[in-house]
Amino acid sequence: MLDLNRVQAETDTRTAASARVLEKLGFVREGTLREDCIVNGEVSDSWVYGLLRREWRAPA
């Protein structure tokens, strides 16, 4: 078992479905990284999500 305090994820702002999955898992959107990557030759922004140990609720 990993003894982590924080897990972080990033998703392209153009993929709302990925953001919904992270939010369903309990992740909180913490910010936007502007023009941080290039996807298919197009500059893109990313959303940063975080999940802290104290916020995690394991499935019943």
N, C-alpha and C. Protein backbone atom coordinates (compact mmCIF):
# COMPACT_ATOMS: atom_id res chain seq x y z
N MET A 1 0.84 -1.18 0.00
CA MET A 1 0.00 0.00 0.00
C MET A 1 0.89 1.25 0.00
N LEU A 2 0.50 2.23 -0.79
CA LEU A 2 1.25 3.48 -0.85
C LEU A 2 0.77 4.41 0.26
N ASP A 3 1.71 5.06 0.90
CA ASP A 3 1.39 5.98 1.99
C ASP A 3 1.42 7.41 1.44
N LEU A 4 0.45 7.73 0.58
CA LEU A 4 0.42 9.02 -0.09
C LEU A 4 -0.47 10.00 0.66
N ASN A 5 -0.09 11.26 0.60
CA ASN A 5 -0.94 12.31 1.16
C ASN A 5 -1.71 13.03 0.07
N ARG A 6 -1.19 13.00 -1.15
CA ARG A 6 -1.81 13.74 -2.25
C ARG A 6 -1.62 13.00 -3.57
N VAL A 7 -2.67 13.03 -4.38
CA VAL A 7 -2.61 12.52 -5.75
C VAL A 7 -3.02 13.69 -6.64
N GLN A 8 -2.31 13.87 -7.74
CA GLN A 8 -2.59 14.97 -8.65
C GLN A 8 -2.84 14.43 -10.05
N ALA A 9 -3.74 15.09 -10.77
CA ALA A 9 -4.05 14.71 -12.15
C ALA A 9 -4.20 15.98 -12.98
N GLU A 10 -3.93 15.85 -14.27
CA GLU A 10 -4.15 16.96 -15.20
C GLU A 10 -4.96 16.43 -16.37
N THR A 11 -5.84 17.29 -16.90
CA THR A 11 -6.63 16.92 -18.06
C THR A 11 -6.77 18.12 -18.99
N ASP A 12 -6.85 17.85 -20.26
CA ASP A 12 -7.04 18.89 -21.27
C ASP A 12 -8.40 19.57 -21.02
N THR A 13 -8.43 20.89 -21.07
CA THR A 13 -9.68 21.62 -20.81
C THR A 13 -10.75 21.34 -21.86
N ARG A 14 -10.34 20.76 -22.98
CA ARG A 14 -11.31 20.46 -24.05
C ARG A 14 -12.00 19.12 -23.86
N THR A 15 -11.58 18.35 -22.85
CA THR A 15 -12.19 17.04 -22.62
C THR A 15 -12.97 17.05 -21.31
N ALA A 16 -14.18 17.57 -21.38
CA ALA A 16 -15.03 17.70 -20.20
C ALA A 16 -15.33 16.35 -19.56
N ALA A 17 -15.40 15.30 -20.36
CA ALA A 17 -15.70 13.96 -19.81
C ALA A 17 -14.61 13.52 -18.84
N SER A 18 -13.37 13.80 -19.15
CA SER A 18 -12.27 13.44 -18.25
C SER A 18 -12.37 14.21 -16.94
N ALA A 19 -12.74 15.48 -17.04
CA ALA A 19 -12.90 16.30 -15.84
C ALA A 19 -14.03 15.73 -14.97
N ARG A 20 -15.13 15.30 -15.58
CA ARG A 20 -16.25 14.73 -14.83
C ARG A 20 -15.84 13.46 -14.10
N VAL A 21 -15.03 12.63 -14.74
CA VAL A 21 -14.56 11.40 -14.09
C VAL A 21 -13.74 11.73 -12.85
N LEU A 22 -12.81 12.66 -12.98
CA LEU A 22 -11.98 13.05 -11.84
C LEU A 22 -12.85 13.60 -10.70
N GLU A 23 -13.82 14.43 -11.04
CA GLU A 23 -14.69 15.02 -10.02
C GLU A 23 -15.55 13.95 -9.34
N LYS A 24 -16.00 12.95 -10.10
CA LYS A 24 -16.77 11.84 -9.51
C LYS A 24 -15.92 11.05 -8.53
N LEU A 25 -14.63 11.00 -8.77
CA LEU A 25 -13.70 10.28 -7.89
C LEU A 25 -13.32 11.11 -6.66
N GLY A 26 -13.76 12.36 -6.62
CA GLY A 26 -13.49 13.20 -5.46
C GLY A 26 -12.39 14.22 -5.65
N PHE A 27 -11.79 14.27 -6.83
CA PHE A 27 -10.75 15.25 -7.10
C PHE A 27 -11.34 16.66 -7.14
N VAL A 28 -10.54 17.64 -6.75
CA VAL A 28 -10.95 19.04 -6.73
C VAL A 28 -10.12 19.79 -7.77
N ARG A 29 -10.80 20.57 -8.62
CA ARG A 29 -10.07 21.37 -9.60
C ARG A 29 -9.36 22.49 -8.86
N GLU A 30 -8.05 22.57 -9.03
CA GLU A 30 -7.23 23.53 -8.29
C GLU A 30 -6.72 24.68 -9.15
N GLY A 31 -6.78 24.52 -10.45
CA GLY A 31 -6.29 25.62 -11.28
C GLY A 31 -6.17 25.24 -12.74
N THR A 32 -5.72 26.19 -13.51
CA THR A 32 -5.55 26.02 -14.95
C THR A 32 -4.11 26.32 -15.32
N LEU A 33 -3.52 25.43 -16.08
CA LEU A 33 -2.20 25.67 -16.65
C LEU A 33 -2.43 26.16 -18.08
N ARG A 34 -2.14 27.42 -18.29
CA ARG A 34 -2.43 28.02 -19.59
C ARG A 34 -1.38 27.64 -20.62
N GLU A 35 -1.87 27.20 -21.78
CA GLU A 35 -1.01 26.87 -22.92
C GLU A 35 0.18 26.01 -22.51
N ASP A 36 -0.10 24.96 -21.76
CA ASP A 36 1.00 24.15 -21.22
C ASP A 36 1.37 22.96 -22.09
N CYS A 37 0.58 22.66 -23.10
CA CYS A 37 0.94 21.53 -23.95
C CYS A 37 0.46 21.75 -25.38
N ILE A 38 0.96 20.92 -26.27
CA ILE A 38 0.55 20.97 -27.66
C ILE A 38 -0.07 19.62 -28.01
N VAL A 39 -1.31 19.66 -28.49
CA VAL A 39 -2.03 18.45 -28.86
C VAL A 39 -2.37 18.55 -30.33
N ASN A 40 -1.86 17.61 -31.13
CA ASN A 40 -2.08 17.62 -32.58
C ASN A 40 -1.75 18.97 -33.21
N GLY A 41 -0.64 19.56 -32.77
CA GLY A 41 -0.18 20.82 -33.33
C GLY A 41 -0.91 22.05 -32.80
N GLU A 42 -1.84 21.87 -31.87
CA GLU A 42 -2.63 22.99 -31.32
C GLU A 42 -2.27 23.20 -29.85
N VAL A 43 -2.01 24.45 -29.49
CA VAL A 43 -1.70 24.78 -28.09
C VAL A 43 -2.96 24.59 -27.26
N SER A 44 -2.79 23.99 -26.08
CA SER A 44 -3.93 23.65 -25.25
C SER A 44 -3.67 23.97 -23.79
N ASP A 45 -4.75 24.29 -23.06
CA ASP A 45 -4.69 24.49 -21.62
C ASP A 45 -5.00 23.17 -20.91
N SER A 46 -4.58 23.07 -19.65
CA SER A 46 -4.89 21.90 -18.82
C SER A 46 -5.48 22.35 -17.50
N TRP A 47 -6.36 21.53 -16.96
CA TRP A 47 -6.85 21.73 -15.61
C TRP A 47 -6.05 20.84 -14.68
N VAL A 48 -5.71 21.34 -13.52
CA VAL A 48 -5.01 20.57 -12.50
C VAL A 48 -6.01 20.20 -11.42
N TYR A 49 -6.02 18.92 -11.05
CA TYR A 49 -6.90 18.39 -10.01
C TYR A 49 -6.05 17.78 -8.91
N GLY A 50 -6.54 17.87 -7.69
CA GLY A 50 -5.84 17.25 -6.57
C GLY A 50 -6.82 16.52 -5.67
N LEU A 51 -6.33 15.47 -5.02
CA LEU A 51 -7.11 14.71 -4.05
C LEU A 51 -6.21 14.46 -2.85
N LEU A 52 -6.63 14.97 -1.69
CA LEU A 52 -5.86 14.81 -0.46
C LEU A 52 -6.35 13.60 0.32
N ARG A 53 -5.45 13.01 1.07
CA ARG A 53 -5.79 11.83 1.88
C ARG A 53 -7.03 12.10 2.75
N ARG A 54 -7.09 13.27 3.39
CA ARG A 54 -8.19 13.56 4.30
C ARG A 54 -9.52 13.74 3.58
N GLU A 55 -9.48 13.93 2.25
CA GLU A 55 -10.71 14.07 1.47
C GLU A 55 -11.18 12.77 0.85
N TRP A 56 -10.32 11.77 0.83
CA TRP A 56 -10.62 10.49 0.18
C TRP A 56 -11.63 9.69 1.00
N ARG A 57 -12.63 9.18 0.31
CA ARG A 57 -13.61 8.29 0.92
C ARG A 57 -13.58 6.99 0.14
N ALA A 58 -13.06 5.96 0.76
CA ALA A 58 -12.96 4.67 0.10
C ALA A 58 -14.36 4.12 -0.15
N PRO A 59 -14.55 3.42 -1.28
CA PRO A 59 -15.86 2.83 -1.58
C PRO A 59 -16.27 1.85 -0.47
N ALA A 60 -17.56 1.83 -0.18
CA ALA A 60 -18.08 0.94 0.89
C ALA A 60 -18.08 -0.50 0.44
